[in-house]
Amino acid sequence: MIWNQLITNRILVAALVAWFLAQFLKVPFQFLLHHKVNWGMWLDTGGMPSSHSALVTSTMLATGLYAGFNTPVFAVALALAMVVVYDAGGVRRQAGMHAERINLIINELFSGQPISEENLKEVLGHTPIEVIGGVILGLVVSWGIWNFWH
């Protein structure tokens, strides 16, 4: 019964499809950019398109399409999408740039000597084009599901 309710929740379906497609598309985009397959991108942060942006944008548009654009729930979905999209391309991107610089400093300071500390994760956020790619993917997925399942 709960499973049936979940799979008929069109807003949830749109959100999960957008997220899954974004994660799936990271591998081919990574291959196009770097000419090598990195299967780890399926479960990793960063990369093209932004799965965070796709997820919240799809949720926001699906909420507006199915529940109405003049509802309080759409306002919450829009506010959440704005925060997550800003964070994906702003705060998390800056954290990744800081990690990159800290790793460079550590490597320069200790070059030639083994260090036990692991490098910080540098791919935390997204470039503006990756965020835009996620936003577009999220909008297209929600629009497509709404047209198909209206």
C-alpha atoms as a PDB file:
ATOM      1  CA  MET A   1       0.000   0.000   0.000  1.00  0.00           C
ATOM      2  CA  ILE A   2       2.761   2.469   0.909  1.00  0.00           C
ATOM      3  CA  TRP A   3       4.768   1.411  -2.163  1.00  0.00           C
ATOM      4  CA  ASN A   4       1.736   2.089  -4.373  1.00  0.00           C
ATOM      5  CA  GLN A   5       1.334   5.542  -2.847  1.00  0.00           C
ATOM      6  CA  LEU A   6       5.028   6.294  -3.394  1.00  0.00           C
ATOM      7  CA  ILE A   7       5.121   5.263  -7.053  1.00  0.00           C
ATOM      8  CA  THR A   8       1.969   7.239  -7.818  1.00  0.00           C
ATOM      9  CA  ASN A   9       3.332  10.400  -6.196  1.00  0.00           C
ATOM     10  CA  ARG A  10       4.115  12.236  -9.426  1.00  0.00           C
ATOM     11  CA  ILE A  11       6.173  14.932  -7.750  1.00  0.00           C
ATOM     12  CA  LEU A  12       8.364  12.337  -6.052  1.00  0.00           C
ATOM     13  CA  VAL A  13       8.701  10.343  -9.282  1.00  0.00           C
ATOM     14  CA  ALA A  14       9.767  13.468 -11.205  1.00  0.00           C
ATOM     15  CA  ALA A  15      12.329  14.362  -8.516  1.00  0.00           C
ATOM     16  CA  LEU A  16      13.845  10.876  -8.391  1.00  0.00           C
ATOM     17  CA  VAL A  17      13.952  10.498 -12.186  1.00  0.00           C
ATOM     18  CA  ALA A  18      15.730  13.852 -12.519  1.00  0.00           C
ATOM     19  CA  TRP A  19      18.223  12.923  -9.795  1.00  0.00           C
ATOM     20  CA  PHE A  20      18.882   9.480 -11.282  1.00  0.00           C
ATOM     21  CA  LEU A  21      19.309  10.837 -14.821  1.00  0.00           C
ATOM     22  CA  ALA A  22      21.706  13.517 -13.607  1.00  0.00           C
ATOM     23  CA  GLN A  23      23.826  10.949 -11.762  1.00  0.00           C
ATOM     24  CA  PHE A  24      23.711   8.595 -14.779  1.00  0.00           C
ATOM     25  CA  LEU A  25      24.704  11.346 -17.243  1.00  0.00           C
ATOM     26  CA  LYS A  26      27.814  12.269 -15.248  1.00  0.00           C
ATOM     27  CA  VAL A  27      29.716   9.246 -16.593  1.00  0.00           C
ATOM     28  CA  PRO A  28      29.229  10.056 -20.309  1.00  0.00           C
ATOM     29  CA  PHE A  29      29.941  13.763 -19.739  1.00  0.00           C
ATOM     30  CA  GLN A  30      33.101  12.860 -17.816  1.00  0.00           C
ATOM     31  CA  PHE A  31      34.128  10.613 -20.710  1.00  0.00           C
ATOM     32  CA  LEU A  32      33.521  13.374 -23.258  1.00  0.00           C
ATOM     33  CA  LEU A  33      35.620  15.834 -21.263  1.00  0.00           C
ATOM     34  CA  HIS A  34      38.488  13.600 -20.130  1.00  0.00           C
ATOM     35  CA  HIS A  35      38.374  10.665 -22.583  1.00  0.00           C
ATOM     36  CA  LYS A  36      38.294   8.079 -19.829  1.00  0.00           C
ATOM     37  CA  VAL A  37      35.453   6.261 -18.111  1.00  0.00           C
ATOM     38  CA  ASN A  38      35.006   7.025 -14.409  1.00  0.00           C
ATOM     39  CA  TRP A  39      32.208   4.817 -13.060  1.00  0.00           C
ATOM     40  CA  GLY A  40      32.648   6.420  -9.648  1.00  0.00           C
ATOM     41  CA  MET A  41      30.898   9.539 -10.953  1.00  0.00           C
ATOM     42  CA  TRP A  42      27.590   7.671 -10.597  1.00  0.00           C
ATOM     43  CA  LEU A  43      27.804   8.075  -6.841  1.00  0.00           C
ATOM     44  CA  ASP A  44      30.008  11.162  -6.576  1.00  0.00           C
ATOM     45  CA  THR A  45      29.345  14.840  -5.968  1.00  0.00           C
ATOM     46  CA  GLY A  46      30.280  17.436  -8.564  1.00  0.00           C
ATOM     47  CA  GLY A  47      30.307  16.919 -12.291  1.00  0.00           C
ATOM     48  CA  MET A  48      27.945  17.643 -15.157  1.00  0.00           C
ATOM     49  CA  PRO A  49      25.002  17.945 -14.695  1.00  0.00           C
ATOM     50  CA  SER A  50      24.405  18.932 -11.086  1.00  0.00           C
ATOM     51  CA  SER A  51      22.148  16.260  -9.589  1.00  0.00           C
ATOM     52  CA  HIS A  52      21.325  18.557  -6.664  1.00  0.00           C
ATOM     53  CA  SER A  53      20.079  21.234  -9.058  1.00  0.00           C
ATOM     54  CA  ALA A  54      18.188  18.687 -11.165  1.00  0.00           C
ATOM     55  CA  LEU A  55      16.497  17.180  -8.096  1.00  0.00           C
ATOM     56  CA  VAL A  56      15.267  20.423  -6.527  1.00  0.00           C
ATOM     57  CA  THR A  57      14.351  22.096  -9.811  1.00  0.00           C
ATOM     58  CA  SER A  58      12.339  19.073 -10.882  1.00  0.00           C
ATOM     59  CA  THR A  59      10.638  18.962  -7.482  1.00  0.00           C
ATOM     60  CA  MET A  60       9.833  22.671  -7.672  1.00  0.00           C
ATOM     61  CA  LEU A  61       8.340  22.562 -11.183  1.00  0.00           C
ATOM     62  CA  ALA A  62       6.432  19.316 -10.539  1.00  0.00           C
ATOM     63  CA  THR A  63       5.013  20.841  -7.362  1.00  0.00           C
ATOM     64  CA  GLY A  64       3.814  23.856  -9.312  1.00  0.00           C
ATOM     65  CA  LEU A  65       2.371  21.756 -12.135  1.00  0.00           C
ATOM     66  CA  TYR A  66       0.562  19.226  -9.936  1.00  0.00           C
ATOM     67  CA  ALA A  67      -0.285  21.239  -6.797  1.00  0.00           C
ATOM     68  CA  GLY A  68      -0.504  24.713  -8.317  1.00  0.00           C
ATOM     69  CA  PHE A  69       1.868  27.642  -8.594  1.00  0.00           C
ATOM     70  CA  ASN A  70      -0.172  29.690  -6.119  1.00  0.00           C
ATOM     71  CA  THR A  71       0.122  27.212  -3.241  1.00  0.00           C
ATOM     72  CA  PRO A  72       2.255  27.477  -0.117  1.00  0.00           C
ATOM     73  CA  VAL A  73       3.918  24.151  -0.946  1.00  0.00           C
ATOM     74  CA  PHE A  74       5.158  25.582  -4.261  1.00  0.00           C
ATOM     75  CA  ALA A  75       6.586  28.595  -2.411  1.00  0.00           C
ATOM     76  CA  VAL A  76       8.510  26.238  -0.100  1.00  0.00           C
ATOM     77  CA  ALA A  77       9.732  24.176  -3.082  1.00  0.00           C
ATOM     78  CA  LEU A  78      10.875  27.353  -4.863  1.00  0.00           C
ATOM     79  CA  ALA A  79      12.719  28.638  -1.778  1.00  0.00           C
ATOM     80  CA  LEU A  80      14.401  25.258  -1.281  1.00  0.00           C
ATOM     81  CA  ALA A  81      15.422  25.135  -4.948  1.00  0.00           C
ATOM     82  CA  MET A  82      16.915  28.627  -4.737  1.00  0.00           C
ATOM     83  CA  VAL A  83      19.008  27.714  -1.680  1.00  0.00           C
ATOM     84  CA  VAL A  84      20.238  24.389  -3.089  1.00  0.00           C
ATOM     85  CA  VAL A  85      21.081  25.788  -6.542  1.00  0.00           C
ATOM     86  CA  TYR A  86      22.942  28.717  -4.979  1.00  0.00           C
ATOM     87  CA  ASP A  87      24.776  26.353  -2.642  1.00  0.00           C
ATOM     88  CA  ALA A  88      25.698  23.908  -5.441  1.00  0.00           C
ATOM     89  CA  GLY A  89      27.344  26.611  -7.529  1.00  0.00           C
ATOM     90  CA  GLY A  90      28.487  28.935  -4.786  1.00  0.00           C
ATOM     91  CA  VAL A  91      29.360  27.701  -1.319  1.00  0.00           C
ATOM     92  CA  ARG A  92      30.181  24.103  -2.268  1.00  0.00           C
ATOM     93  CA  ARG A  93      32.200  25.272  -5.283  1.00  0.00           C
ATOM     94  CA  GLN A  94      34.247  27.580  -3.068  1.00  0.00           C
ATOM     95  CA  ALA A  95      34.818  24.756  -0.555  1.00  0.00           C
ATOM     96  CA  GLY A  96      36.158  22.619  -3.407  1.00  0.00           C
ATOM     97  CA  MET A  97      38.485  25.422  -4.529  1.00  0.00           C
ATOM     98  CA  HIS A  98      39.751  25.795  -0.959  1.00  0.00           C
ATOM     99  CA  ALA A  99      40.395  22.050  -0.755  1.00  0.00           C
ATOM    100  CA  GLU A 100      42.335  22.219  -4.030  1.00  0.00           C
ATOM    101  CA  ARG A 101      44.565  25.017  -2.720  1.00  0.00           C
ATOM    102  CA  ILE A 102      45.113  23.329   0.660  1.00  0.00           C
ATOM    103  CA  ASN A 103      46.106  20.118  -1.126  1.00  0.00           C
ATOM    104  CA  LEU A 104      48.566  22.099  -3.269  1.00  0.00           C
ATOM    105  CA  ILE A 105      50.099  23.730  -0.175  1.00  0.00           C
ATOM    106  CA  ILE A 106      50.458  20.377   1.584  1.00  0.00           C
ATOM    107  CA  ASN A 107      52.031  18.790  -1.508  1.00  0.00           C
ATOM    108  CA  GLU A 108      54.478  21.683  -1.875  1.00  0.00           C
ATOM    109  CA  LEU A 109      55.412  21.682   1.812  1.00  0.00           C
ATOM    110  CA  PHE A 110      55.968  17.974   2.028  1.00  0.00           C
ATOM    111  CA  SER A 111      57.144  17.102  -1.477  1.00  0.00           C
ATOM    112  CA  GLY A 112      59.274  14.026  -1.490  1.00  0.00           C
ATOM    113  CA  GLN A 113      58.100  12.905   1.920  1.00  0.00           C
ATOM    114  CA  PRO A 114      55.189  10.525   2.450  1.00  0.00           C
ATOM    115  CA  ILE A 115      52.331  12.042   4.386  1.00  0.00           C
ATOM    116  CA  SER A 116      49.671   9.995   6.110  1.00  0.00           C
ATOM    117  CA  GLU A 117      46.936  12.612   5.615  1.00  0.00           C
ATOM    118  CA  GLU A 118      44.619  12.091   2.686  1.00  0.00           C
ATOM    119  CA  ASN A 119      43.977  14.864   0.222  1.00  0.00           C
ATOM    120  CA  LEU A 120      40.786  16.797   0.722  1.00  0.00           C
ATOM    121  CA  LYS A 121      37.953  16.168  -1.718  1.00  0.00           C
ATOM    122  CA  GLU A 122      38.191  18.909  -4.329  1.00  0.00           C
ATOM    123  CA  VAL A 123      35.085  18.230  -6.391  1.00  0.00           C
ATOM    124  CA  LEU A 124      32.384  19.339  -3.983  1.00  0.00           C
ATOM    125  CA  GLY A 125      30.464  21.923  -5.936  1.00  0.00           C
ATOM    126  CA  HIS A 126      29.677  22.741  -9.503  1.00  0.00           C
ATOM    127  CA  THR A 127      30.688  25.201 -12.161  1.00  0.00           C
ATOM    128  CA  PRO A 128      27.906  27.522 -13.334  1.00  0.00           C
ATOM    129  CA  ILE A 129      27.422  25.449 -16.519  1.00  0.00           C
ATOM    130  CA  GLU A 130      27.019  22.254 -14.450  1.00  0.00           C
ATOM    131  CA  VAL A 131      24.387  23.971 -12.300  1.00  0.00           C
ATOM    132  CA  ILE A 132      22.567  25.275 -15.374  1.00  0.00           C
ATOM    133  CA  GLY A 133      22.717  21.779 -16.883  1.00  0.00           C
ATOM    134  CA  GLY A 134      21.100  20.370 -13.750  1.00  0.00           C
ATOM    135  CA  VAL A 135      18.419  23.070 -13.715  1.00  0.00           C
ATOM    136  CA  ILE A 136      17.555  22.435 -17.368  1.00  0.00           C
ATOM    137  CA  LEU A 137      17.498  18.670 -16.833  1.00  0.00           C
ATOM    138  CA  GLY A 138      15.193  19.058 -13.833  1.00  0.00           C
ATOM    139  CA  LEU A 139      12.807  21.312 -15.760  1.00  0.00           C
ATOM    140  CA  VAL A 140      12.744  18.986 -18.781  1.00  0.00           C
ATOM    141  CA  VAL A 141      12.115  15.881 -16.654  1.00  0.00           C
ATOM    142  CA  SER A 142       9.236  17.455 -14.715  1.00  0.00           C
ATOM    143  CA  TRP A 143       7.699  18.921 -17.838  1.00  0.00           C
ATOM    144  CA  GLY A 144       8.001  15.583 -19.630  1.00  0.00           C
ATOM    145  CA  ILE A 145       6.485  13.585 -16.771  1.00  0.00           C
ATOM    146  CA  TRP A 146       3.679  16.120 -16.398  1.00  0.00           C
ATOM    147  CA  ASN A 147       2.872  15.928 -20.140  1.00  0.00           C
ATOM    148  CA  PHE A 148       3.003  12.128 -20.047  1.00  0.00           C
ATOM    149  CA  TRP A 149       1.246  11.607 -16.696  1.00  0.00           C
ATOM    150  CA  HIS A 150      -1.219  14.461 -16.415  1.00  0.00           C
END
